Amino acid sequence: MSCADVDRYDFSIKQGDDESVTFRWLADGVPVDLNGVIAEFECSIPALTHIMSLSNPTSLGEITASFDSVDTEGLAQRRVKYKVIIWRNGYGVDKETLFHGSLSLIPTEVA
């Protein structure tokens, strides 16, 4: 899939908070069956790269990236690039990029 075919989504999370972002994969307006798929949030900051969770994989087409407060707290970068990738036949096989964009890290307010 070329970059022009990939959905771009930019979002923000607050550093030091537990946050989650849900992506919904649709084909012709219908949620894609994700049964048997492994999804990964791949980030330019390795600490934020992780396997994502799938909500009801056979009917919703939803993939959720969760960020723990300890993973985002104190990061020097404020804007990073990411991709949401799926593996169809096991981890490391048949890689496909579904979404890409930038993640803005909002600094924790200093008192």
N, C-alpha and C. Protein backbone atom coordinates (compact mmCIF):
# COMPACT_ATOMS: atom_id res chain seq x y z
N MET A 1 0.85 -1.16 0.00
CA MET A 1 0.00 0.00 0.00
C MET A 1 0.90 1.24 0.00
N SER A 2 0.67 2.13 -0.92
CA SER A 2 1.48 3.35 -0.97
C SER A 2 1.01 4.34 0.08
N CYS A 3 1.86 5.30 0.36
CA CYS A 3 1.55 6.29 1.39
C CYS A 3 0.27 7.05 1.06
N ALA A 4 -0.02 7.28 -0.22
CA ALA A 4 -1.22 8.00 -0.62
C ALA A 4 -2.49 7.23 -0.28
N ASP A 5 -2.40 5.91 -0.14
CA ASP A 5 -3.56 5.09 0.16
C ASP A 5 -3.79 4.93 1.67
N VAL A 6 -2.91 5.43 2.47
CA VAL A 6 -2.97 5.23 3.92
C VAL A 6 -3.69 6.40 4.57
N ASP A 7 -4.59 6.10 5.50
CA ASP A 7 -5.29 7.16 6.21
C ASP A 7 -4.36 7.85 7.20
N ARG A 8 -4.37 9.18 7.16
CA ARG A 8 -3.55 9.97 8.07
C ARG A 8 -4.43 10.46 9.22
N TYR A 9 -3.89 10.32 10.45
CA TYR A 9 -4.60 10.78 11.63
C TYR A 9 -3.58 11.34 12.61
N ASP A 10 -3.71 12.62 12.93
CA ASP A 10 -2.85 13.26 13.92
C ASP A 10 -3.63 13.40 15.22
N PHE A 11 -2.97 13.15 16.34
CA PHE A 11 -3.66 13.28 17.63
C PHE A 11 -2.67 13.69 18.71
N SER A 12 -3.21 14.04 19.88
CA SER A 12 -2.40 14.50 21.02
C SER A 12 -2.75 13.68 22.24
N ILE A 13 -1.74 13.51 23.11
CA ILE A 13 -1.97 12.94 24.43
C ILE A 13 -1.18 13.77 25.43
N LYS A 14 -1.64 13.79 26.66
CA LYS A 14 -0.96 14.54 27.71
C LYS A 14 0.08 13.64 28.37
N GLN A 15 1.31 14.13 28.45
CA GLN A 15 2.37 13.36 29.10
C GLN A 15 2.02 13.12 30.56
N GLY A 16 2.33 11.92 31.04
CA GLY A 16 2.09 11.58 32.43
C GLY A 16 0.68 11.13 32.74
N ASP A 17 -0.19 11.05 31.73
CA ASP A 17 -1.56 10.55 31.92
C ASP A 17 -1.69 9.20 31.22
N ASP A 18 -2.58 8.35 31.74
CA ASP A 18 -2.95 7.14 31.02
C ASP A 18 -3.92 7.57 29.92
N GLU A 19 -3.62 7.22 28.69
CA GLU A 19 -4.43 7.65 27.54
C GLU A 19 -4.64 6.47 26.61
N SER A 20 -5.70 6.52 25.82
CA SER A 20 -5.91 5.53 24.76
C SER A 20 -6.57 6.21 23.57
N VAL A 21 -6.27 5.68 22.40
CA VAL A 21 -6.82 6.18 21.14
C VAL A 21 -7.30 4.97 20.35
N THR A 22 -8.54 5.03 19.85
CA THR A 22 -9.09 3.93 19.08
C THR A 22 -9.19 4.32 17.61
N PHE A 23 -8.68 3.44 16.76
CA PHE A 23 -8.74 3.60 15.32
C PHE A 23 -9.81 2.63 14.80
N ARG A 24 -10.58 3.05 13.80
CA ARG A 24 -11.61 2.18 13.24
C ARG A 24 -11.32 1.98 11.76
N TRP A 25 -11.13 0.72 11.36
CA TRP A 25 -10.82 0.38 9.99
C TRP A 25 -12.10 -0.03 9.28
N LEU A 26 -12.46 0.75 8.25
CA LEU A 26 -13.66 0.49 7.46
C LEU A 26 -13.27 0.25 6.00
N ALA A 27 -14.03 -0.61 5.33
CA ALA A 27 -13.90 -0.81 3.89
C ALA A 27 -15.29 -0.64 3.30
N ASP A 28 -15.42 0.34 2.43
CA ASP A 28 -16.73 0.68 1.85
C ASP A 28 -17.77 0.94 2.93
N GLY A 29 -17.34 1.59 4.02
CA GLY A 29 -18.24 1.96 5.11
C GLY A 29 -18.57 0.86 6.09
N VAL A 30 -17.98 -0.32 5.91
CA VAL A 30 -18.27 -1.47 6.77
C VAL A 30 -17.02 -1.81 7.57
N PRO A 31 -17.15 -2.06 8.90
CA PRO A 31 -15.98 -2.44 9.70
C PRO A 31 -15.33 -3.71 9.15
N VAL A 32 -14.00 -3.71 9.12
CA VAL A 32 -13.23 -4.85 8.61
C VAL A 32 -13.08 -5.91 9.71
N ASP A 33 -13.25 -7.16 9.33
CA ASP A 33 -13.06 -8.28 10.25
C ASP A 33 -11.57 -8.40 10.57
N LEU A 34 -11.22 -8.24 11.83
CA LEU A 34 -9.82 -8.28 12.27
C LEU A 34 -9.47 -9.59 12.98
N ASN A 35 -10.33 -10.58 12.87
CA ASN A 35 -10.08 -11.86 13.51
C ASN A 35 -8.76 -12.45 13.02
N GLY A 36 -7.88 -12.81 13.95
CA GLY A 36 -6.59 -13.40 13.62
C GLY A 36 -5.49 -12.41 13.29
N VAL A 37 -5.79 -11.12 13.36
CA VAL A 37 -4.82 -10.07 13.03
C VAL A 37 -4.08 -9.63 14.29
N ILE A 38 -2.80 -9.33 14.15
CA ILE A 38 -2.02 -8.70 15.22
C ILE A 38 -1.79 -7.26 14.79
N ALA A 39 -2.10 -6.31 15.67
CA ALA A 39 -1.93 -4.90 15.36
C ALA A 39 -0.83 -4.31 16.24
N GLU A 40 -0.04 -3.41 15.64
CA GLU A 40 1.08 -2.80 16.36
C GLU A 40 1.08 -1.29 16.15
N PHE A 41 1.31 -0.55 17.23
CA PHE A 41 1.54 0.89 17.17
C PHE A 41 3.04 1.06 17.08
N GLU A 42 3.53 1.47 15.92
CA GLU A 42 4.96 1.60 15.67
C GLU A 42 5.29 3.09 15.69
N CYS A 43 6.18 3.49 16.61
CA CYS A 43 6.45 4.90 16.84
C CYS A 43 7.93 5.21 16.71
N SER A 44 8.22 6.46 16.36
CA SER A 44 9.62 6.89 16.27
C SER A 44 10.29 6.94 17.64
N ILE A 45 9.51 6.90 18.71
CA ILE A 45 10.04 6.73 20.07
C ILE A 45 9.81 5.27 20.46
N PRO A 46 10.86 4.46 20.54
CA PRO A 46 10.68 3.03 20.81
C PRO A 46 9.85 2.73 22.07
N ALA A 47 9.91 3.58 23.09
CA ALA A 47 9.16 3.34 24.33
C ALA A 47 7.65 3.35 24.09
N LEU A 48 7.20 3.95 23.00
CA LEU A 48 5.76 4.02 22.71
C LEU A 48 5.30 2.96 21.72
N THR A 49 6.22 2.18 21.15
CA THR A 49 5.85 1.10 20.24
C THR A 49 5.31 -0.06 21.06
N HIS A 50 4.14 -0.58 20.66
CA HIS A 50 3.54 -1.69 21.41
C HIS A 50 2.47 -2.39 20.57
N ILE A 51 2.12 -3.61 21.00
CA ILE A 51 1.02 -4.35 20.40
C ILE A 51 -0.28 -3.70 20.87
N MET A 52 -1.23 -3.53 19.96
CA MET A 52 -2.49 -2.87 20.26
C MET A 52 -3.57 -3.91 20.58
N SER A 53 -4.63 -3.45 21.22
CA SER A 53 -5.74 -4.36 21.53
C SER A 53 -6.83 -4.23 20.47
N LEU A 54 -7.54 -5.34 20.26
CA LEU A 54 -8.62 -5.38 19.28
C LEU A 54 -9.94 -5.54 20.02
N SER A 55 -10.88 -4.62 19.76
CA SER A 55 -12.20 -4.70 20.38
C SER A 55 -13.13 -5.48 19.46
N ASN A 56 -13.63 -6.60 19.93
CA ASN A 56 -14.56 -7.42 19.16
C ASN A 56 -14.09 -7.53 17.71
N PRO A 57 -12.99 -8.23 17.45
CA PRO A 57 -12.33 -8.22 16.14
C PRO A 57 -13.18 -8.66 14.96
N THR A 58 -14.25 -9.42 15.17
CA THR A 58 -15.03 -9.90 14.03
C THR A 58 -16.05 -8.90 13.53
N SER A 59 -16.40 -7.87 14.33
CA SER A 59 -17.48 -6.99 13.87
C SER A 59 -17.23 -5.49 13.96
N LEU A 60 -16.31 -5.01 14.79
CA LEU A 60 -16.17 -3.57 14.98
C LEU A 60 -15.07 -2.91 14.16
N GLY A 61 -14.04 -3.64 13.81
CA GLY A 61 -12.92 -3.05 13.09
C GLY A 61 -12.13 -2.05 13.92
N GLU A 62 -12.20 -2.18 15.24
CA GLU A 62 -11.53 -1.21 16.12
C GLU A 62 -10.22 -1.76 16.67
N ILE A 63 -9.22 -0.86 16.67
CA ILE A 63 -7.89 -1.17 17.17
C ILE A 63 -7.52 -0.04 18.13
N THR A 64 -7.12 -0.39 19.37
CA THR A 64 -6.85 0.63 20.39
C THR A 64 -5.38 0.64 20.80
N ALA A 65 -4.83 1.84 20.78
CA ALA A 65 -3.47 2.07 21.29
C ALA A 65 -3.61 2.65 22.69
N SER A 66 -2.95 2.02 23.67
CA SER A 66 -3.00 2.50 25.05
C SER A 66 -1.61 2.96 25.47
N PHE A 67 -1.58 4.08 26.16
CA PHE A 67 -0.32 4.67 26.60
C PHE A 67 -0.35 4.82 28.12
N ASP A 68 0.61 4.18 28.80
CA ASP A 68 0.73 4.29 30.25
C ASP A 68 1.44 5.59 30.60
N SER A 69 1.07 6.15 31.72
CA SER A 69 1.65 7.42 32.17
C SER A 69 3.17 7.35 32.26
N VAL A 70 3.71 6.24 32.73
CA VAL A 70 5.16 6.12 32.89
C VAL A 70 5.90 6.12 31.56
N ASP A 71 5.22 5.71 30.47
CA ASP A 71 5.86 5.67 29.16
C ASP A 71 5.97 7.05 28.51
N THR A 72 5.07 7.96 28.88
CA THR A 72 5.06 9.29 28.25
C THR A 72 5.67 10.38 29.12
N GLU A 73 5.77 10.13 30.40
CA GLU A 73 6.26 11.14 31.34
C GLU A 73 7.72 11.49 31.06
N GLY A 74 8.00 12.77 30.93
CA GLY A 74 9.36 13.24 30.81
C GLY A 74 10.02 13.05 29.44
N LEU A 75 9.26 12.67 28.42
CA LEU A 75 9.87 12.52 27.10
C LEU A 75 10.26 13.90 26.55
N ALA A 76 11.44 13.97 25.96
CA ALA A 76 11.94 15.25 25.44
C ALA A 76 11.21 15.66 24.15
N GLN A 77 10.85 14.69 23.32
CA GLN A 77 10.18 15.00 22.07
C GLN A 77 8.76 15.49 22.34
N ARG A 78 8.31 16.39 21.50
CA ARG A 78 6.94 16.91 21.64
C ARG A 78 6.04 16.45 20.50
N ARG A 79 6.62 16.09 19.37
CA ARG A 79 5.84 15.61 18.22
C ARG A 79 6.61 14.47 17.58
N VAL A 80 5.95 13.32 17.46
CA VAL A 80 6.59 12.14 16.92
C VAL A 80 5.72 11.52 15.82
N LYS A 81 6.34 10.74 14.98
CA LYS A 81 5.62 10.06 13.90
C LYS A 81 5.26 8.64 14.34
N TYR A 82 4.14 8.14 13.81
CA TYR A 82 3.71 6.79 14.14
C TYR A 82 3.06 6.14 12.92
N LYS A 83 2.89 4.80 13.01
CA LYS A 83 2.12 4.00 12.05
C LYS A 83 1.32 2.97 12.85
N VAL A 84 0.13 2.67 12.39
CA VAL A 84 -0.63 1.53 12.90
C VAL A 84 -0.48 0.45 11.84
N ILE A 85 0.12 -0.67 12.26
CA ILE A 85 0.47 -1.76 11.35
C ILE A 85 -0.29 -3.02 11.76
N ILE A 86 -0.70 -3.79 10.77
CA ILE A 86 -1.28 -5.10 11.09
C ILE A 86 -0.43 -6.18 10.45
N TRP A 87 -0.44 -7.33 11.11
CA TRP A 87 0.23 -8.55 10.63
C TRP A 87 -0.88 -9.57 10.45
N ARG A 88 -1.06 -10.05 9.23
CA ARG A 88 -2.18 -10.97 8.94
C ARG A 88 -1.91 -12.43 9.28
N ASN A 89 -0.70 -12.90 9.14
CA ASN A 89 -0.41 -14.33 9.34
C ASN A 89 0.67 -14.52 10.39
N GLY A 90 0.50 -13.89 11.53
CA GLY A 90 1.49 -13.99 12.59
C GLY A 90 2.42 -12.79 12.58
N TYR A 91 3.02 -12.53 13.71
CA TYR A 91 3.90 -11.38 13.87
C TYR A 91 5.10 -11.51 12.94
N GLY A 92 5.33 -10.47 12.15
CA GLY A 92 6.45 -10.47 11.22
C GLY A 92 6.11 -10.96 9.82
N VAL A 93 4.84 -11.32 9.58
CA VAL A 93 4.43 -11.86 8.28
C VAL A 93 3.29 -10.99 7.71
N ASP A 94 3.33 -10.68 6.43
CA ASP A 94 2.26 -9.94 5.74
C ASP A 94 1.92 -8.62 6.43
N LYS A 95 2.90 -7.74 6.50
CA LYS A 95 2.76 -6.44 7.15
C LYS A 95 1.97 -5.47 6.26
N GLU A 96 1.03 -4.74 6.87
CA GLU A 96 0.25 -3.74 6.15
C GLU A 96 0.05 -2.52 7.05
N THR A 97 0.32 -1.33 6.52
CA THR A 97 0.11 -0.09 7.26
C THR A 97 -1.31 0.39 7.03
N LEU A 98 -2.06 0.61 8.13
CA LEU A 98 -3.44 1.09 8.03
C LEU A 98 -3.54 2.59 8.21
N PHE A 99 -2.84 3.11 9.20
CA PHE A 99 -2.90 4.54 9.53
C PHE A 99 -1.48 5.04 9.77
N HIS A 100 -1.30 6.33 9.62
CA HIS A 100 -0.03 6.97 9.98
C HIS A 100 -0.34 8.41 10.35
N GLY A 101 0.61 9.06 10.97
CA GLY A 101 0.43 10.46 11.31
C GLY A 101 1.42 10.91 12.35
N SER A 102 1.02 11.94 13.07
CA SER A 102 1.89 12.43 14.13
C SER A 102 1.14 12.44 15.46
N LEU A 103 1.90 12.21 16.49
CA LEU A 103 1.42 12.21 17.86
C LEU A 103 2.08 13.38 18.56
N SER A 104 1.28 14.31 19.08
CA SER A 104 1.80 15.43 19.83
C SER A 104 1.72 15.11 21.31
N LEU A 105 2.82 15.26 21.99
CA LEU A 105 2.89 15.00 23.44
C LEU A 105 2.76 16.34 24.15
N ILE A 106 1.67 16.52 24.87
CA ILE A 106 1.43 17.77 25.59
C ILE A 106 2.12 17.68 26.94
N PRO A 107 3.04 18.61 27.24
CA PRO A 107 3.78 18.54 28.50
C PRO A 107 2.88 18.70 29.72
N THR A 108 3.29 18.03 30.79
CA THR A 108 2.60 18.16 32.06
C THR A 108 2.83 19.58 32.58
N GLU A 109 1.79 20.18 33.07
CA GLU A 109 1.92 21.55 33.60
C GLU A 109 2.78 21.54 34.84
N VAL A 110 3.67 22.52 34.92
CA VAL A 110 4.55 22.65 36.06
C VAL A 110 3.93 23.66 37.03
N ALA A 111 3.87 23.27 38.29
CA ALA A 111 3.27 24.17 39.30
C ALA A 111 4.25 25.23 39.76
